[in-house]
PDB file of N, CA and C in Angstrom:
ATOM      1  N   MET A   1      98.811  88.975 100.648  1.00  0.00           N
ATOM      2  CA  MET A   1      99.220  90.148  99.533  1.00  0.00           C
ATOM      3  C   MET A   1     100.529  90.892 100.854  1.00  0.00           C
ATOM      4  N   LYS A   2     101.654  90.653 100.051  1.00  0.00           N
ATOM      5  CA  LYS A   2     102.813  91.518 100.330  1.00  0.00           C
ATOM      6  C   LYS A   2     103.373  92.872  99.621  1.00  0.00           C
ATOM      7  N   VAL A   3     103.424  93.630 100.763  1.00  0.00           N
ATOM      8  CA  VAL A   3     104.027  94.951 100.462  1.00  0.00           C
ATOM      9  C   VAL A   3     105.697  95.192 100.559  1.00  0.00           C
ATOM     10  N   ARG A   4     106.073  96.216 100.033  1.00  0.00           N
ATOM     11  CA  ARG A   4     107.459  95.926 100.690  1.00  0.00           C
ATOM     12  C   ARG A   4     107.618  97.822 100.878  1.00  0.00           C
ATOM     13  N   VAL A   5     108.420  98.144 102.390  1.00  0.00           N
ATOM     14  CA  VAL A   5     108.065  99.074 103.242  1.00  0.00           C
ATOM     15  C   VAL A   5     110.196  99.568 102.735  1.00  0.00           C
ATOM     16  N   LEU A   6     109.955 100.772 102.984  1.00  0.00           N
ATOM     17  CA  LEU A   6     111.099 101.444 102.329  1.00  0.00           C
ATOM     18  C   LEU A   6     111.075 102.082 103.790  1.00  0.00           C
ATOM     19  N   TYR A   7     112.555 102.095 104.374  1.00  0.00           N
ATOM     20  CA  TYR A   7     112.740 103.430 105.348  1.00  0.00           C
ATOM     21  C   TYR A   7     114.060 104.634 104.965  1.00  0.00           C
ATOM     22  N   PHE A   8     113.682 105.204 105.059  1.00  0.00           N
ATOM     23  CA  PHE A   8     114.796 106.341 104.926  1.00  0.00           C
ATOM     24  C   PHE A   8     115.167 107.312 105.976  1.00  0.00           C
ATOM     25  N   ALA A   9     116.346 107.615 105.668  1.00  0.00           N
ATOM     26  CA  ALA A   9     117.068 109.032 106.678  1.00  0.00           C
ATOM     27  C   ALA A   9     117.104 108.415 108.377  1.00  0.00           C
ATOM     28  N   ARG A  10     116.616 109.236 109.052  1.00  0.00           N
ATOM     29  CA  ARG A  10     116.832 109.310 110.685  1.00  0.00           C
ATOM     30  C   ARG A  10     115.508 107.675 110.765  1.00  0.00           C
ATOM     31  N   LEU A  11     114.708 107.239 109.826  1.00  0.00           N
ATOM     32  CA  LEU A  11     113.382 106.078 110.215  1.00  0.00           C
ATOM     33  C   LEU A  11     114.203 105.407 110.758  1.00  0.00           C
ATOM     34  N   ARG A  12     115.368 104.866 109.159  1.00  0.00           N
ATOM     35  CA  ARG A  12     115.986 103.743 108.795  1.00  0.00           C
ATOM     36  C   ARG A  12     117.240 104.026 109.537  1.00  0.00           C
ATOM     37  N   GLU A  13     117.548 105.053 110.353  1.00  0.00           N
ATOM     38  CA  GLU A  13     118.269 104.737 111.724  1.00  0.00           C
ATOM     39  C   GLU A  13     117.910 103.995 113.104  1.00  0.00           C
ATOM     40  N   ALA A  14     115.977 104.508 113.458  1.00  0.00           N
ATOM     41  CA  ALA A  14     115.563 104.573 114.778  1.00  0.00           C
ATOM     42  C   ALA A  14     115.162 103.671 114.120  1.00  0.00           C
ATOM     43  N   VAL A  15     114.580 102.302 113.088  1.00  0.00           N
ATOM     44  CA  VAL A  15     113.811 101.455 113.519  1.00  0.00           C
ATOM     45  C   VAL A  15     115.162 100.322 112.862  1.00  0.00           C
ATOM     46  N   GLY A  16     116.515 100.895 112.425  1.00  0.00           N
ATOM     47  CA  GLY A  16     117.643  99.399 112.690  1.00  0.00           C
ATOM     48  C   GLY A  16     117.248  98.597 111.327  1.00  0.00           C
ATOM     49  N   MET A  17     116.540  99.593 110.457  1.00  0.00           N
ATOM     50  CA  MET A  17     116.175  98.755 108.605  1.00  0.00           C
ATOM     51  C   MET A  17     116.150  99.426 108.170  1.00  0.00           C
ATOM     52  N   ASP A  18     116.492  99.196 106.404  1.00  0.00           N
ATOM     53  CA  ASP A  18     116.344  99.977 105.697  1.00  0.00           C
ATOM     54  C   ASP A  18     114.922  99.862 104.401  1.00  0.00           C
ATOM     55  N   MET A  19     114.729  97.654 104.802  1.00  0.00           N
ATOM     56  CA  MET A  19     113.603  97.571 104.014  1.00  0.00           C
ATOM     57  C   MET A  19     112.936  96.615 104.596  1.00  0.00           C
ATOM     58  N   GLU A  20     111.844  96.200 104.745  1.00  0.00           N
ATOM     59  CA  GLU A  20     110.790  95.124 105.021  1.00  0.00           C
ATOM     60  C   GLU A  20     110.144  94.493 103.921  1.00  0.00           C
ATOM     61  N   GLU A  21     109.582  93.248 104.191  1.00  0.00           N
ATOM     62  CA  GLU A  21     108.330  92.953 103.454  1.00  0.00           C
ATOM     63  C   GLU A  21     106.906  92.718 104.792  1.00  0.00           C
ATOM     64  N   ILE A  22     105.926  93.078 103.986  1.00  0.00           N
ATOM     65  CA  ILE A  22     104.636  93.380 104.974  1.00  0.00           C
ATOM     66  C   ILE A  22     103.235  92.018 104.862  1.00  0.00           C
ATOM     67  N   GLU A  23     103.495  91.302 104.908  1.00  0.00           N
ATOM     68  CA  GLU A  23     102.402  90.120 104.342  1.00  0.00           C
ATOM     69  C   GLU A  23     100.942  90.856 105.217  1.00  0.00           C
ATOM     70  N   PHE A  24      99.710  90.767 104.717  1.00  0.00           N
ATOM     71  CA  PHE A  24      98.499  91.326 105.287  1.00  0.00           C
ATOM     72  C   PHE A  24      97.746  90.367 104.625  1.00  0.00           C
ATOM     73  N   PRO A  25      96.935  89.439 105.489  1.00  0.00           N
ATOM     74  CA  PRO A  25      95.781  88.657 105.418  1.00  0.00           C
ATOM     75  C   PRO A  25      95.026  89.395 104.068  1.00  0.00           C
ATOM     76  N   GLY A  26      94.097  88.445 103.055  1.00  0.00           N
ATOM     77  CA  GLY A  26      93.894  88.570 101.970  1.00  0.00           C
ATOM     78  C   GLY A  26      94.378  89.479 101.504  1.00  0.00           C
ATOM     79  N   ASP A  27      93.267  90.742 100.365  1.00  0.00           N
ATOM     80  CA  ASP A  27      94.312  90.925  99.078  1.00  0.00           C
ATOM     81  C   ASP A  27      93.783  92.833  99.233  1.00  0.00           C
ATOM     82  N   LYS A  28      93.431  92.754 100.402  1.00  0.00           N
ATOM     83  CA  LYS A  28      93.527  94.555 100.623  1.00  0.00           C
ATOM     84  C   LYS A  28      93.652  94.677 102.038  1.00  0.00           C
ATOM     85  N   ALA A  29      94.202  96.122 102.005  1.00  0.00           N
ATOM     86  CA  ALA A  29      94.932  96.747 102.602  1.00  0.00           C
ATOM     87  C   ALA A  29      94.630  98.613 102.729  1.00  0.00           C
ATOM     88  N   THR A  30      94.939  99.545 103.222  1.00  0.00           N
ATOM     89  CA  THR A  30      95.502 100.450 103.166  1.00  0.00           C
ATOM     90  C   THR A  30      96.733 100.795 103.896  1.00  0.00           C
ATOM     91  N   ILE A  31      96.945 102.328 103.683  1.00  0.00           N
ATOM     92  CA  ILE A  31      97.676 102.774 104.789  1.00  0.00           C
ATOM     93  C   ILE A  31      97.493 102.968 106.032  1.00  0.00           C
ATOM     94  N   ALA A  32      96.984 102.822 106.626  1.00  0.00           N
ATOM     95  CA  ALA A  32      96.394 102.710 107.792  1.00  0.00           C
ATOM     96  C   ALA A  32      96.562 101.392 108.528  1.00  0.00           C
ATOM     97  N   ALA A  33      96.144 100.555 107.798  1.00  0.00           N
ATOM     98  CA  ALA A  33      95.810  99.493 108.254  1.00  0.00           C
ATOM     99  C   ALA A  33      97.697  98.883 108.132  1.00  0.00           C
ATOM    100  N   LEU A  34      98.841  99.283 107.349  1.00  0.00           N
ATOM    101  CA  LEU A  34     100.494  99.076 107.340  1.00  0.00           C
ATOM    102  C   LEU A  34     100.252 100.076 108.818  1.00  0.00           C
ATOM    103  N   LEU A  35     100.009 101.165 108.753  1.00  0.00           N
ATOM    104  CA  LEU A  35     100.580 102.004 109.872  1.00  0.00           C
ATOM    105  C   LEU A  35     100.555 100.999 111.607  1.00  0.00           C
ATOM    106  N   ASP A  36      99.034 100.755 111.429  1.00  0.00           N
ATOM    107  CA  ASP A  36      98.612  99.757 112.851  1.00  0.00           C
ATOM    108  C   ASP A  36      99.327  98.571 113.415  1.00  0.00           C
ATOM    109  N   VAL A  37      99.345  97.810 111.931  1.00  0.00           N
ATOM    110  CA  VAL A  37     100.767  96.821 112.044  1.00  0.00           C
ATOM    111  C   VAL A  37     101.617  97.035 112.978  1.00  0.00           C
ATOM    112  N   LEU A  38     102.094  98.412 112.137  1.00  0.00           N
ATOM    113  CA  LEU A  38     103.585  98.689 112.235  1.00  0.00           C
ATOM    114  C   LEU A  38     103.374  99.304 114.184  1.00  0.00           C
ATOM    115  N   ARG A  39     102.712  99.620 114.750  1.00  0.00           N
ATOM    116  CA  ARG A  39     102.216 100.191 116.026  1.00  0.00           C
ATOM    117  C   ARG A  39     102.269  99.365 116.969  1.00  0.00           C
ATOM    118  N   LYS A  40     101.530  98.751 116.553  1.00  0.00           N
ATOM    119  CA  LYS A  40     101.390  97.552 117.513  1.00  0.00           C
ATOM    120  C   LYS A  40     102.734  96.287 117.505  1.00  0.00           C
ATOM    121  N   ARG A  41     103.587  96.793 116.968  1.00  0.00           N
ATOM    122  CA  ARG A  41     105.076  96.179 117.397  1.00  0.00           C
ATOM    123  C   ARG A  41     105.877  97.234 118.848  1.00  0.00           C
ATOM    124  N   GLY A  42     105.137  98.499 119.157  1.00  0.00           N
ATOM    125  CA  GLY A  42     105.514  98.939 120.108  1.00  0.00           C
ATOM    126  C   GLY A  42     106.825  99.648 120.041  1.00  0.00           C
ATOM    127  N   GLY A  43     107.092 100.453 121.260  1.00  0.00           N
ATOM    128  CA  GLY A  43     108.325 101.028 121.269  1.00  0.00           C
ATOM    129  C   GLY A  43     108.712 101.988 120.301  1.00  0.00           C
ATOM    130  N   ILE A  44     109.974 101.995 119.568  1.00  0.00           N
ATOM    131  CA  ILE A  44     109.759 102.766 118.336  1.00  0.00           C
ATOM    132  C   ILE A  44     108.589 103.317 117.673  1.00  0.00           C
ATOM    133  N   TRP A  45     108.100 101.543 117.470  1.00  0.00           N
ATOM    134  CA  TRP A  45     107.252 101.841 116.179  1.00  0.00           C
ATOM    135  C   TRP A  45     105.903 102.157 116.497  1.00  0.00           C
ATOM    136  N   ALA A  46     105.663 102.203 117.814  1.00  0.00           N
ATOM    137  CA  ALA A  46     104.460 103.004 118.164  1.00  0.00           C
ATOM    138  C   ALA A  46     104.847 104.834 117.807  1.00  0.00           C
ATOM    139  N   LYS A  47     105.512 104.578 117.978  1.00  0.00           N
ATOM    140  CA  LYS A  47     106.120 106.481 117.838  1.00  0.00           C
ATOM    141  C   LYS A  47     105.844 106.790 116.350  1.00  0.00           C
ATOM    142  N   GLU A  48     107.186 105.890 115.727  1.00  0.00           N
ATOM    143  CA  GLU A  48     107.708 106.356 114.454  1.00  0.00           C
ATOM    144  C   GLU A  48     106.177 106.181 113.323  1.00  0.00           C
ATOM    145  N   ALA A  49     104.837 105.351 113.828  1.00  0.00           N
ATOM    146  CA  ALA A  49     104.011 104.911 112.741  1.00  0.00           C
ATOM    147  C   ALA A  49     102.827 105.901 113.616  1.00  0.00           C
ATOM    148  N   GLY A  50     102.929 106.335 114.396  1.00  0.00           N
ATOM    149  CA  GLY A  50     101.935 107.334 114.499  1.00  0.00           C
ATOM    150  C   GLY A  50     101.077 108.043 113.738  1.00  0.00           C
ATOM    151  N   VAL A  51      99.804 108.452 113.515  1.00  0.00           N
ATOM    152  CA  VAL A  51      99.508 109.268 112.316  1.00  0.00           C
ATOM    153  C   VAL A  51     100.077 111.059 112.988  1.00  0.00           C
ATOM    154  N   ASP A  52     100.119 111.034 113.787  1.00  0.00           N
ATOM    155  CA  ASP A  52     100.464 112.267 114.529  1.00  0.00           C
ATOM    156  C   ASP A  52     102.457 112.614 113.878  1.00  0.00           C
ATOM    157  N   SER A  53     102.937 111.435 113.832  1.00  0.00           N
ATOM    158  CA  SER A  53     104.210 111.248 113.521  1.00  0.00           C
ATOM    159  C   SER A  53     105.186 112.741 113.119  1.00  0.00           C
ATOM    160  N   GLY A  54     104.563 113.231 111.831  1.00  0.00           N
ATOM    161  CA  GLY A  54     104.768 114.248 110.552  1.00  0.00           C
ATOM    162  C   GLY A  54     105.340 113.218 109.597  1.00  0.00           C
ATOM    163  N   ASN A  55     105.666 111.969 109.745  1.00  0.00           N
ATOM    164  CA  ASN A  55     106.176 111.325 108.826  1.00  0.00           C
ATOM    165  C   ASN A  55     105.337 111.438 107.949  1.00  0.00           C
ATOM    166  N   ARG A  56     106.161 110.817 106.638  1.00  0.00           N
ATOM    167  CA  ARG A  56     104.878 111.245 105.183  1.00  0.00           C
ATOM    168  C   ARG A  56     104.891 109.650 104.477  1.00  0.00           C
ATOM    169  N   LEU A  57     104.134 109.306 103.682  1.00  0.00           N
ATOM    170  CA  LEU A  57     103.958 108.055 103.365  1.00  0.00           C
ATOM    171  C   LEU A  57     103.723 107.976 101.649  1.00  0.00           C
ATOM    172  N   ALA A  58     104.395 107.032 100.914  1.00  0.00           N
ATOM    173  CA  ALA A  58     104.152 107.003  99.330  1.00  0.00           C
ATOM    174  C   ALA A  58     103.844 105.863  99.084  1.00  0.00           C
ATOM    175  N   VAL A  59     103.258 105.799  97.750  1.00  0.00           N
ATOM    176  CA  VAL A  59     103.320 104.326  97.158  1.00  0.00           C
ATOM    177  C   VAL A  59     103.474 104.420  95.879  1.00  0.00           C
ATOM    178  N   ASN A  60     104.982 103.810  95.635  1.00  0.00           N
ATOM    179  CA  ASN A  60     104.977 103.205  94.425  1.00  0.00           C
ATOM    180  C   ASN A  60     105.152 104.746  93.763  1.00  0.00           C
ATOM    181  N   GLN A  61     105.906 105.529  95.428  1.00  0.00           N
ATOM    182  CA  GLN A  61     106.840 107.011  94.922  1.00  0.00           C
ATOM    183  C   GLN A  61     105.571 108.146  93.903  1.00  0.00           C
ATOM    184  N   GLN A  62     104.281 107.794  94.980  1.00  0.00           N
ATOM    185  CA  GLN A  62     103.563 108.802  94.712  1.00  0.00           C
ATOM    186  C   GLN A  62     103.256 109.543  96.235  1.00  0.00           C
ATOM    187  N   LEU A  63     102.922 110.045  96.633  1.00  0.00           N
ATOM    188  CA  LEU A  63     102.860 110.398  98.111  1.00  0.00           C
ATOM    189  C   LEU A  63     101.011 110.656  98.430  1.00  0.00           C
ATOM    190  N   ALA A  64     100.935 109.317  99.734  1.00  0.00           N
ATOM    191  CA  ALA A  64      99.788 108.571  99.912  1.00  0.00           C
ATOM    192  C   ALA A  64      99.090 108.905 101.266  1.00  0.00           C
ATOM    193  N   GLY A  65      97.957 108.981 101.868  1.00  0.00           N
ATOM    194  CA  GLY A  65      97.405 109.111 103.002  1.00  0.00           C
ATOM    195  C   GLY A  65      96.822 107.737 103.035  1.00  0.00           C
ATOM    196  N   LEU A  66      96.398 108.306 104.902  1.00  0.00           N
ATOM    197  CA  LEU A  66      95.252 106.908 105.132  1.00  0.00           C
ATOM    198  C   LEU A  66      94.962 106.332 104.542  1.00  0.00           C
ATOM    199  N   ILE A  67      93.935 106.843 103.775  1.00  0.00           N
ATOM    200  CA  ILE A  67      92.573 105.964 103.305  1.00  0.00           C
ATOM    201  C   ILE A  67      93.465 105.035 101.374  1.00  0.00           C
ATOM    202  N   THR A  68      94.577 105.477 100.817  1.00  0.00           N
ATOM    203  CA  THR A  68      95.025 104.593 100.016  1.00  0.00           C
ATOM    204  C   THR A  68      95.300 103.688  99.989  1.00  0.00           C
ATOM    205  N   ALA A  69      94.688 102.876  98.892  1.00  0.00           N
ATOM    206  CA  ALA A  69      94.714 101.206  98.694  1.00  0.00           C
ATOM    207  C   ALA A  69      96.114 100.613  98.393  1.00  0.00           C
ATOM    208  N   LEU A  70      96.346  99.429  98.777  1.00  0.00           N
ATOM    209  CA  LEU A  70      98.263  98.976  98.704  1.00  0.00           C
ATOM    210  C   LEU A  70      97.171  98.079  98.166  1.00  0.00           C
ATOM    211  N   GLN A  71      98.160  97.335  97.179  1.00  0.00           N
ATOM    212  CA  GLN A  71      97.526  96.160  96.050  1.00  0.00           C
ATOM    213  C   GLN A  71      99.303  95.602  96.306  1.00  0.00           C
ATOM    214  N   ASP A  72      99.045  93.989  96.579  1.00  0.00           N
ATOM    215  CA  ASP A  72     100.637  93.545  96.879  1.00  0.00           C
ATOM    216  C   ASP A  72     101.131  93.655  95.362  1.00  0.00           C
ATOM    217  N   GLY A  73     102.299  93.906  95.648  1.00  0.00           N
ATOM    218  CA  GLY A  73     103.541  93.991  95.145  1.00  0.00           C
ATOM    219  C   GLY A  73     104.325  95.480  95.203  1.00  0.00           C
ATOM    220  N   ASP A  74     103.320  96.239  95.802  1.00  0.00           N
ATOM    221  CA  ASP A  74     103.703  97.957  95.967  1.00  0.00           C
ATOM    222  C   ASP A  74     104.844  98.130  97.406  1.00  0.00           C
ATOM    223  N   GLU A  75     104.974  98.730  96.593  1.00  0.00           N
ATOM    224  CA  GLU A  75     106.386  99.673  96.882  1.00  0.00           C
ATOM    225  C   GLU A  75     105.578 100.930  98.104  1.00  0.00           C
ATOM    226  N   VAL A  76     106.206 100.719  99.377  1.00  0.00           N
ATOM    227  CA  VAL A  76     105.793 101.907 100.337  1.00  0.00           C
ATOM    228  C   VAL A  76     106.659 102.620 100.728  1.00  0.00           C
ATOM    229  N   ALA A  77     107.144 103.227 100.723  1.00  0.00           N
ATOM    230  CA  ALA A  77     108.012 104.415 101.454  1.00  0.00           C
ATOM    231  C   ALA A  77     107.878 105.290 102.289  1.00  0.00           C
ATOM    232  N   MET A  78     108.484 105.693 103.257  1.00  0.00           N
ATOM    233  CA  MET A  78     108.177 106.003 104.674  1.00  0.00           C
ATOM    234  C   MET A  78     109.312 107.005 105.035  1.00  0.00           C
ATOM    235  N   PHE A  79     109.141 108.676 105.231  1.00  0.00           N
ATOM    236  CA  PHE A  79     110.516 108.932 105.070  1.00  0.00           C
ATOM    237  C   PHE A  79     109.871 110.048 105.863  1.00  0.00           C
ATOM    238  N   PRO A  80     110.770 111.058 107.193  1.00  0.00           N
ATOM    239  CA  PRO A  80     110.374 112.047 108.255  1.00  0.00           C
ATOM    240  C   PRO A  80     110.518 113.467 106.734  1.00  0.00           C
ATOM    241  N   PRO A  81     109.679 114.302 107.634  1.00  0.00           N
ATOM    242  CA  PRO A  81     109.729 115.383 106.561  1.00  0.00           C
ATOM    243  C   PRO A  81     110.469 115.962 106.282  1.00  0.00           C
ATOM    244  N   VAL A  82     110.628 116.972 105.575  1.00  0.00           N
ATOM    245  CA  VAL A  82     111.830 117.382 105.909  1.00  0.00           C
ATOM    246  C   VAL A  82     112.331 118.817 105.489  1.00  0.00           C
ATOM    247  N   THR A  83     112.864 119.324 106.229  1.00  0.00           N
ATOM    248  CA  THR A  83     113.011 121.047 106.848  1.00  0.00           C
ATOM    249  C   THR A  83     114.184 121.070 105.882  1.00  0.00           C
ATOM    250  N   GLY A  84     114.097 122.680 104.868  1.00  0.00           N
ATOM    251  CA  GLY A  84     115.509 123.140 104.933  1.00  0.00           C
ATOM    252  C   GLY A  84     115.181 124.911 105.082  1.00  0.00           C
ATOM    253  N   GLY A  85     115.889 125.536 104.745  1.00  0.00           N
ATOM    254  CA  GLY A  85     116.150 127.036 104.698  1.00  0.00           C
ATOM    255  C   GLY A  85     117.074 128.317 103.920  1.00  0.00           C
TER     256      GLY A  85
END
């Protein structure tokens, strides 16, 4: 199973890419599993994919939580929280 991960704003600059495809064995995965794959890369990935990073995730343009299931071909967006005044 493959998902496309999109990185936005400060995250795009921090990780040095705007998009990548990540493949999971089998046909089931969750947002938590995706974050675990990213964290295991270490360095900036460990920080930005941490559950306490404050970053938001969306699956197919719908906000998602850690238990959100992923399907083959899903698009996962990862973006920092937006602040305004």
